[in-house]
């Protein structure tokens, strides 16, 4: 089965998962209950650059940690949806509230909770180390793993296609 490549020049919105996409999926748990993740600086640069160039960036994640929210806010991301059980519902609500057409969205996910949302987007992306089921539906598989520059690779690819990088 051949997947038709979408028109990258139509993409104006990036929607990203956190764990396994913006992070490497590892979760460090301390005795006091604090949970820590590592984010990639290059991914952060690309996100801020995309926002400065007028792209929308939204986050939809099942986890809800204060440290994650602080990092995302530091990247100037305004549309942050954490602690979401139904990513598809949150995605549809976001599209409606922002007036965004799904064909103009690039979504990057890495595991089964992302599958249904990915199938509704114009551009389905995943890190190199995503679950096999996600790789099967992706129109773009980054060469980098989650938390290791996969988001930068996605954003750069789309922005370069639009001469906005």
Protein backbone atom coordinates (compact mmCIF):
# COMPACT_ATOMS: atom_id res chain seq x y z
CA UNK A 1 0.00 0.00 0.00
CA UNK A 2 1.40 3.38 -1.00
CA UNK A 3 0.82 6.42 1.18
CA UNK A 4 0.30 9.68 -0.68
CA UNK A 5 2.67 12.35 0.59
CA UNK A 6 0.77 15.37 1.87
CA UNK A 7 1.43 18.90 0.69
CA UNK A 8 3.90 20.23 3.28
CA UNK A 9 3.22 23.79 2.20
CA UNK A 10 -0.25 23.56 3.79
CA UNK A 11 1.01 22.73 7.32
CA UNK A 12 0.60 25.63 9.74
CA UNK A 13 0.16 23.80 13.05
CA UNK A 14 2.31 21.35 15.00
CA UNK A 15 0.68 19.17 17.64
CA UNK A 16 3.05 17.13 19.77
CA UNK A 17 2.97 14.46 22.43
CA UNK A 18 5.46 14.81 25.31
CA UNK A 19 6.73 11.46 26.61
CA UNK A 20 8.60 9.63 23.86
CA UNK A 21 8.43 12.63 21.51
CA UNK A 22 9.73 15.71 23.32
CA UNK A 23 11.47 13.41 25.80
CA UNK A 24 13.21 10.07 25.39
CA UNK A 25 10.43 8.35 27.30
CA UNK A 26 12.52 7.74 30.40
CA UNK A 27 11.01 8.85 33.68
CA UNK A 28 13.27 9.42 36.66
CA UNK A 29 11.40 8.97 39.94
CA UNK A 30 12.82 10.32 43.18
CA UNK A 31 12.05 9.23 46.74
CA UNK A 32 9.98 12.36 47.34
CA UNK A 33 7.69 11.42 44.43
CA UNK A 34 9.09 13.98 41.99
CA UNK A 35 9.25 12.72 38.42
CA UNK A 36 11.83 14.23 36.06
CA UNK A 37 12.19 14.13 32.28
CA UNK A 38 14.88 15.46 29.98
CA UNK A 39 14.03 17.71 27.02
CA UNK A 40 16.21 18.35 23.98
CA UNK A 41 17.46 21.92 23.55
CA UNK A 42 17.45 21.62 19.74
CA UNK A 43 13.78 20.61 19.80
CA UNK A 44 13.13 23.65 21.99
CA UNK A 45 14.90 25.98 19.57
CA UNK A 46 12.85 24.66 16.64
CA UNK A 47 9.58 25.09 18.56
CA UNK A 48 10.37 28.69 19.51
CA UNK A 49 11.50 29.44 15.96
CA UNK A 50 8.28 28.01 14.51
CA UNK A 51 6.17 30.07 16.90
CA UNK A 52 8.11 33.24 16.00
CA UNK A 53 7.44 32.49 12.33
CA UNK A 54 3.69 32.31 12.97
CA UNK A 55 3.07 28.58 13.27
CA UNK A 56 0.77 27.22 15.94
CA UNK A 57 2.23 24.70 18.38
CA UNK A 58 0.07 22.66 20.73
CA UNK A 59 0.85 19.91 23.20
CA UNK A 60 -1.49 17.05 24.07
CA UNK A 61 -0.21 14.64 26.72
CA UNK A 62 -1.67 12.09 29.08
CA UNK A 63 0.65 13.10 31.91
CA UNK A 64 0.29 16.26 33.96
CA UNK A 65 3.47 17.35 35.71
CA UNK A 66 4.20 20.94 36.83
CA UNK A 67 7.80 20.76 35.59
CA UNK A 68 6.66 19.76 32.12
CA UNK A 69 4.19 22.66 31.99
CA UNK A 70 6.94 25.10 33.05
CA UNK A 71 9.25 23.85 30.30
CA UNK A 72 6.52 24.13 27.66
CA UNK A 73 5.58 27.63 28.81
CA UNK A 74 9.26 28.62 28.67
CA UNK A 75 9.14 27.66 24.98
CA UNK A 76 6.27 30.15 24.50
CA UNK A 77 3.73 27.38 23.84
CA UNK A 78 0.28 28.65 24.75
CA UNK A 79 -1.88 25.65 23.85
CA UNK A 80 -0.89 23.07 26.46
CA UNK A 81 -3.25 20.20 27.24
CA UNK A 82 -1.82 17.96 29.98
CA UNK A 83 -3.50 15.13 31.89
CA UNK A 84 -5.63 14.29 28.85
CA UNK A 85 -7.27 10.87 28.85
CA UNK A 86 -8.90 11.20 25.42
CA UNK A 87 -6.39 12.82 23.05
CA UNK A 88 -8.80 12.67 20.13
CA UNK A 89 -11.43 14.71 21.96
CA UNK A 90 -8.81 17.27 23.05
CA UNK A 91 -7.49 17.44 19.47
CA UNK A 92 -10.95 17.96 17.96
CA UNK A 93 -11.75 20.64 20.57
CA UNK A 94 -8.46 22.40 19.80
CA UNK A 95 -9.13 22.40 16.06
CA UNK A 96 -12.62 23.79 16.58
CA UNK A 97 -11.55 26.50 19.03
CA UNK A 98 -8.64 27.64 16.83
CA UNK A 99 -10.42 27.25 13.50
CA UNK A 100 -7.74 24.86 12.26
CA UNK A 101 -8.40 22.35 9.47
CA UNK A 102 -6.95 18.88 10.25
CA UNK A 103 -5.21 18.78 6.84
CA UNK A 104 -2.98 21.66 7.99
CA UNK A 105 -1.77 19.84 11.11
CA UNK A 106 1.46 17.90 11.59
CA UNK A 107 1.11 15.60 14.60
CA UNK A 108 4.04 13.74 16.15
CA UNK A 109 3.28 10.81 18.42
CA UNK A 110 5.10 7.68 19.46
CA UNK A 111 2.66 5.13 20.87
CA UNK A 112 -0.87 3.75 20.80
CA UNK A 113 -2.59 6.68 22.60
CA UNK A 114 -1.53 8.84 19.62
CA UNK A 115 -2.83 6.58 16.86
CA UNK A 116 -6.38 7.86 16.48
CA UNK A 117 -5.30 11.51 16.49
CA UNK A 118 -2.55 10.83 13.97
CA UNK A 119 -5.07 9.30 11.59
CA UNK A 120 -7.01 12.60 11.59
CA UNK A 121 -4.06 14.83 10.63
CA UNK A 122 -2.62 16.06 7.37
CA UNK A 123 0.87 14.93 8.30
CA UNK A 124 1.52 11.97 10.63
CA UNK A 125 5.02 11.94 12.11
CA UNK A 126 6.84 9.86 14.68
CA UNK A 127 10.33 9.51 16.16
CA UNK A 128 12.62 6.73 14.92
CA UNK A 129 12.00 4.74 18.11
CA UNK A 130 8.19 4.93 18.00
CA UNK A 131 6.05 1.83 18.45
CA UNK A 132 5.80 -0.31 15.31
CA UNK A 133 2.04 0.30 14.97
CA UNK A 134 2.68 4.04 14.90
CA UNK A 135 5.46 3.71 12.34
CA UNK A 136 3.06 1.80 10.08
CA UNK A 137 0.66 4.77 9.84
CA UNK A 138 3.27 7.55 9.83
CA UNK A 139 3.88 9.56 6.69
CA UNK A 140 7.20 10.69 8.19
CA UNK A 141 9.52 8.73 10.47
CA UNK A 142 12.29 10.91 11.88
CA UNK A 143 15.83 9.60 11.78
CA UNK A 144 16.21 10.72 15.40
CA UNK A 145 14.64 9.16 18.49
CA UNK A 146 12.16 10.90 20.76
CA UNK A 147 13.87 13.45 23.00
CA UNK A 148 16.91 13.33 20.73
CA UNK A 149 15.95 15.84 18.04
CA UNK A 150 12.96 14.18 16.32
CA UNK A 151 10.78 17.26 16.85
CA UNK A 152 13.46 19.55 15.42
CA UNK A 153 13.74 17.28 12.40
CA UNK A 154 9.97 17.45 11.80
CA UNK A 155 9.71 21.22 12.22
CA UNK A 156 12.78 21.89 10.12
CA UNK A 157 11.51 19.64 7.30
CA UNK A 158 8.18 21.43 7.09
CA UNK A 159 9.58 24.94 7.51
CA UNK A 160 12.24 24.33 4.86
CA UNK A 161 9.54 23.11 2.46
CA UNK A 162 7.83 26.48 3.03
CA UNK A 163 11.05 28.56 2.94
CA UNK A 164 10.45 29.76 6.50
CA UNK A 165 13.32 28.01 8.27
